C-alpha atoms as a PDB file:
ATOM      1  CA  ASP A   1      10.973  33.862  -4.031  1.00  0.00           C
ATOM      2  CA  VAL A   2       9.749  31.774  -6.993  1.00  0.00           C
ATOM      3  CA  TYR A   3      12.007  29.012  -6.016  1.00  0.00           C
ATOM      4  CA  LYS A   4      10.774  28.982  -2.434  1.00  0.00           C
ATOM      5  CA  ARG A   5       7.166  28.687  -3.613  1.00  0.00           C
ATOM      6  CA  GLN A   6       8.126  25.807  -6.020  1.00  0.00           C
ATOM      7  CA  GLY A   7       9.993  24.173  -3.164  1.00  0.00           C
ATOM      8  CA  ALA A   8       6.898  24.511  -0.834  1.00  0.00           C
ATOM      9  CA  LEU A   9       4.661  23.120  -3.540  1.00  0.00           C
ATOM     10  CA  MET A  10       7.031  20.161  -4.019  1.00  0.00           C
ATOM     11  CA  LEU A  11       7.124  19.482  -0.327  1.00  0.00           C
ATOM     12  CA  GLU A  12       3.291  19.676  -0.196  1.00  0.00           C
ATOM     13  CA  PHE A  13       3.067  17.159  -3.070  1.00  0.00           C
ATOM     14  CA  LEU A  14       5.557  14.786  -1.478  1.00  0.00           C
ATOM     15  CA  GLY A  15       3.679  15.023   1.819  1.00  0.00           C
ATOM     16  CA  LEU A  16       0.727  13.530   0.011  1.00  0.00           C
ATOM     17  CA  TYR A  17       2.738  10.723  -1.600  1.00  0.00           C
ATOM     18  CA  ASN A  18       0.755   7.878   0.049  1.00  0.00           C
ATOM     19  CA  TYR A  19      -2.520   9.358  -1.424  1.00  0.00           C
ATOM     20  CA  TRP A  20      -1.004   9.557  -4.854  1.00  0.00           C
ATOM     21  CA  VAL A  21       0.194   5.963  -4.735  1.00  0.00           C
ATOM     22  CA  PHE A  22      -3.315   5.030  -3.524  1.00  0.00           C
ATOM     23  CA  ALA A  23      -4.954   6.775  -6.407  1.00  0.00           C
ATOM     24  CA  VAL A  24      -2.612   5.122  -8.992  1.00  0.00           C
ATOM     25  CA  LEU A  25      -3.061   1.625  -7.508  1.00  0.00           C
ATOM     26  CA  LEU A  26      -6.886   2.100  -7.339  1.00  0.00           C
ATOM     27  CA  MET A  27      -7.000   3.170 -11.046  1.00  0.00           C
ATOM     28  CA  ILE A  28      -4.712   0.251 -12.178  1.00  0.00           C
ATOM     29  CA  GLY A  29      -6.836  -2.227 -10.258  1.00  0.00           C
ATOM     30  CA  PHE A  30     -10.100  -0.759 -11.528  1.00  0.00           C
ATOM     31  CA  TYR A  31      -8.766  -0.728 -15.215  1.00  0.00           C
ATOM     32  CA  ALA A  32      -7.659  -4.416 -14.904  1.00  0.00           C
ATOM     33  CA  VAL A  33     -11.132  -5.387 -13.636  1.00  0.00           C
ATOM     34  CA  ILE A  34     -13.130  -3.383 -16.214  1.00  0.00           C
ATOM     35  CA  ALA A  35     -10.920  -3.696 -19.362  1.00  0.00           C
ATOM     36  CA  ARG A  36      -9.421  -7.187 -19.340  1.00  0.00           C
ATOM     37  CA  PRO A  37     -11.463 -10.129 -20.616  1.00  0.00           C
ATOM     38  CA  ASN A  38      -9.162 -12.676 -18.898  1.00  0.00           C
ATOM     39  CA  MET A  39     -10.736 -13.759 -15.589  1.00  0.00           C
ATOM     40  CA  ILE A  40      -7.335 -14.322 -13.851  1.00  0.00           C
ATOM     41  CA  LYS A  41      -6.248 -10.798 -14.830  1.00  0.00           C
ATOM     42  CA  LYS A  42      -9.618  -9.510 -13.405  1.00  0.00           C
ATOM     43  CA  LEU A  43      -8.859 -11.268 -10.083  1.00  0.00           C
ATOM     44  CA  LEU A  44      -5.383  -9.801 -10.001  1.00  0.00           C
ATOM     45  CA  GLY A  45      -6.868  -6.392 -10.644  1.00  0.00           C
ATOM     46  CA  LEU A  46      -9.267  -6.897  -7.821  1.00  0.00           C
ATOM     47  CA  GLY A  47      -6.334  -7.670  -5.552  1.00  0.00           C
ATOM     48  CA  ILE A  48      -4.484  -4.552  -6.612  1.00  0.00           C
ATOM     49  CA  PHE A  49      -7.691  -2.481  -5.941  1.00  0.00           C
ATOM     50  CA  GLN A  50      -8.024  -4.036  -2.433  1.00  0.00           C
ATOM     51  CA  ALA A  51      -4.299  -3.274  -1.716  1.00  0.00           C
ATOM     52  CA  ALA A  52      -4.995   0.367  -2.631  1.00  0.00           C
ATOM     53  CA  VAL A  53      -7.902   0.549  -0.142  1.00  0.00           C
ATOM     54  CA  PHE A  54      -5.647  -1.085   2.546  1.00  0.00           C
ATOM     55  CA  LEU A  55      -3.028   1.612   1.866  1.00  0.00           C
ATOM     56  CA  LEU A  56      -5.652   4.400   2.263  1.00  0.00           C
ATOM     57  CA  TYR A  57      -6.889   3.029   5.617  1.00  0.00           C
ATOM     58  CA  ILE A  58      -3.305   2.625   6.947  1.00  0.00           C
ATOM     59  CA  THR A  59      -2.316   6.026   5.711  1.00  0.00           C
ATOM     60  CA  MET A  60      -5.298   7.744   7.509  1.00  0.00           C
ATOM     61  CA  ASP A  61      -4.404   5.826  10.667  1.00  0.00           C
ATOM     62  CA  LYS A  62      -1.052   7.422  11.279  1.00  0.00           C
ATOM     63  CA  VAL A  63      -1.060   9.972  14.043  1.00  0.00           C
ATOM     64  CA  GLU A  64       2.113  12.088  14.355  1.00  0.00           C
ATOM     65  CA  GLY A  65       3.573  11.417  17.824  1.00  0.00           C
ATOM     66  CA  GLY A  66       0.846   8.954  18.630  1.00  0.00           C
ATOM     67  CA  THR A  67       1.594   5.824  20.742  1.00  0.00           C
ATOM     68  CA  ALA A  68      -0.166   2.560  21.377  1.00  0.00           C
ATOM     69  CA  PRO A  69      -3.450   3.129  23.290  1.00  0.00           C
ATOM     70  CA  ILE A  70      -2.119   1.796  26.625  1.00  0.00           C
ATOM     71  CA  ILE A  71      -2.891   3.853  29.691  1.00  0.00           C
ATOM     72  CA  GLN A  72       0.041   4.221  32.091  1.00  0.00           C
ATOM     73  CA  LYS A  73       0.429   5.794  35.413  1.00  0.00           C
ATOM     74  CA  GLY A  74       1.916   9.283  35.402  1.00  0.00           C
ATOM     75  CA  VAL A  75       1.345   9.869  31.673  1.00  0.00           C
ATOM     76  CA  VAL A  76      -0.922  12.878  31.122  1.00  0.00           C
ATOM     77  CA  ASP A  77      -2.210  14.280  27.872  1.00  0.00           C
ATOM     78  CA  ALA A  78      -0.737  11.444  25.710  1.00  0.00           C
ATOM     79  CA  ILE A  79      -1.643  11.155  22.104  1.00  0.00           C
ATOM     80  CA  TYR A  80      -2.822   7.721  21.094  1.00  0.00           C
ATOM     81  CA  SER A  81      -3.123   6.138  17.705  1.00  0.00           C
ATOM     82  CA  ASN A  82      -6.508   4.599  16.871  1.00  0.00           C
ATOM     83  CA  PRO A  83      -6.178   0.756  16.639  1.00  0.00           C
ATOM     84  CA  LEU A  84      -9.587   0.340  14.810  1.00  0.00           C
ATOM     85  CA  PRO A  85      -8.199   0.903  11.246  1.00  0.00           C
ATOM     86  CA  GLN A  86      -5.578  -1.797  11.874  1.00  0.00           C
ATOM     87  CA  VAL A  87      -8.232  -4.216  13.028  1.00  0.00           C
ATOM     88  CA  LEU A  88     -10.362  -3.417  10.008  1.00  0.00           C
ATOM     89  CA  ILE A  89      -7.410  -3.954   7.615  1.00  0.00           C
ATOM     90  CA  LEU A  90      -6.647  -7.378   9.211  1.00  0.00           C
ATOM     91  CA  THR A  91     -10.364  -8.313   8.645  1.00  0.00           C
ATOM     92  CA  ALA A  92     -10.258  -7.020   5.078  1.00  0.00           C
ATOM     93  CA  ILE A  93      -7.072  -8.937   4.294  1.00  0.00           C
ATOM     94  CA  VAL A  94      -8.875 -12.233   5.379  1.00  0.00           C
ATOM     95  CA  VAL A  95     -11.886 -11.330   3.361  1.00  0.00           C
ATOM     96  CA  GLY A  96      -9.707 -10.410   0.372  1.00  0.00           C
ATOM     97  CA  ILE A  97      -7.845 -13.715   0.473  1.00  0.00           C
ATOM     98  CA  SER A  98     -11.145 -15.613   0.790  1.00  0.00           C
ATOM     99  CA  THR A  99     -12.649 -13.685  -2.164  1.00  0.00           C
ATOM    100  CA  THR A 100      -9.508 -14.415  -4.245  1.00  0.00           C
ATOM    101  CA  ALA A 101      -9.603 -18.185  -3.385  1.00  0.00           C
ATOM    102  CA  LEU A 102     -13.319 -18.318  -4.274  1.00  0.00           C
ATOM    103  CA  GLY A 103     -12.735 -16.483  -7.550  1.00  0.00           C
ATOM    104  CA  LEU A 104      -9.929 -18.800  -8.538  1.00  0.00           C
ATOM    105  CA  ALA A 105     -12.051 -21.858  -7.760  1.00  0.00           C
ATOM    106  CA  LEU A 106     -14.838 -20.352  -9.973  1.00  0.00           C
ATOM    107  CA  VAL A 107     -12.320 -19.752 -12.716  1.00  0.00           C
ATOM    108  CA  VAL A 108     -11.078 -23.348 -12.580  1.00  0.00           C
ATOM    109  CA  ARG A 109     -14.716 -24.551 -12.730  1.00  0.00           C
ATOM    110  CA  ILE A 110     -15.450 -22.148 -15.727  1.00  0.00           C
ATOM    111  CA  HIS A 111     -12.373 -23.463 -17.475  1.00  0.00           C
ATOM    112  CA  GLU A 112     -13.524 -27.031 -17.050  1.00  0.00           C
ATOM    113  CA  ALA A 113     -17.032 -26.178 -18.377  1.00  0.00           C
ATOM    114  CA  TYR A 114     -15.972 -23.933 -21.306  1.00  0.00           C
ATOM    115  CA  GLY A 115     -12.420 -24.704 -22.041  1.00  0.00           C
ATOM    116  CA  THR A 116     -11.449 -21.031 -21.704  1.00  0.00           C
ATOM    117  CA  ILE A 117     -11.084 -18.239 -19.124  1.00  0.00           C
ATOM    118  CA  GLU A 118     -11.787 -15.356 -21.443  1.00  0.00           C
ATOM    119  CA  GLU A 119     -14.978 -13.628 -20.475  1.00  0.00           C
ATOM    120  CA  ASP A 120     -16.066 -12.752 -24.061  1.00  0.00           C
ATOM    121  CA  GLU A 121     -15.481 -16.301 -25.337  1.00  0.00           C
ATOM    122  CA  THR A 122     -17.529 -17.757 -22.573  1.00  0.00           C
ATOM    123  CA  GLN A 123     -20.444 -15.333 -23.257  1.00  0.00           C
ATOM    124  CA  GLN A 124     -20.218 -16.225 -27.069  1.00  0.00           C
ATOM    125  CA  LEU A 125     -20.305 -20.001 -26.156  1.00  0.00           C
ATOM    126  CA  ASP A 126     -23.398 -19.305 -24.008  1.00  0.00           C
ATOM    127  CA  LEU A 127     -25.101 -17.455 -26.893  1.00  0.00           C
ATOM    128  CA  ASP A 128     -24.336 -20.256 -29.352  1.00  0.00           C
ATOM    129  CA  GLN A 129     -26.031 -22.885 -27.232  1.00  0.00           C
END
């Protein structure tokens, strides 16, 4: 009986696998953005953070037994998947790529102006002037 309960708990845990991966990726990305002084590493952390959010939306979109929302003759009481999360993710991917490109352009410009891409060093150079 104890083994059955442990097995049921393990299956329940594995059933939430996507959510665990989401949480881990979110924390890794957040840590990289907050704790790293290197601006390139901050941008990589932001990308990981965004990927975690994409995973969450796609995970919530899955409908067991759902099909594409195309109405057909003779089909009654069909279960349809919602296409809206997929559209939102496509839009978010474009925005994420644009944000990364803008961030990289700013890092290049900061490197030209300060000679470094370390956040603490650029702040110290600003204070020294």
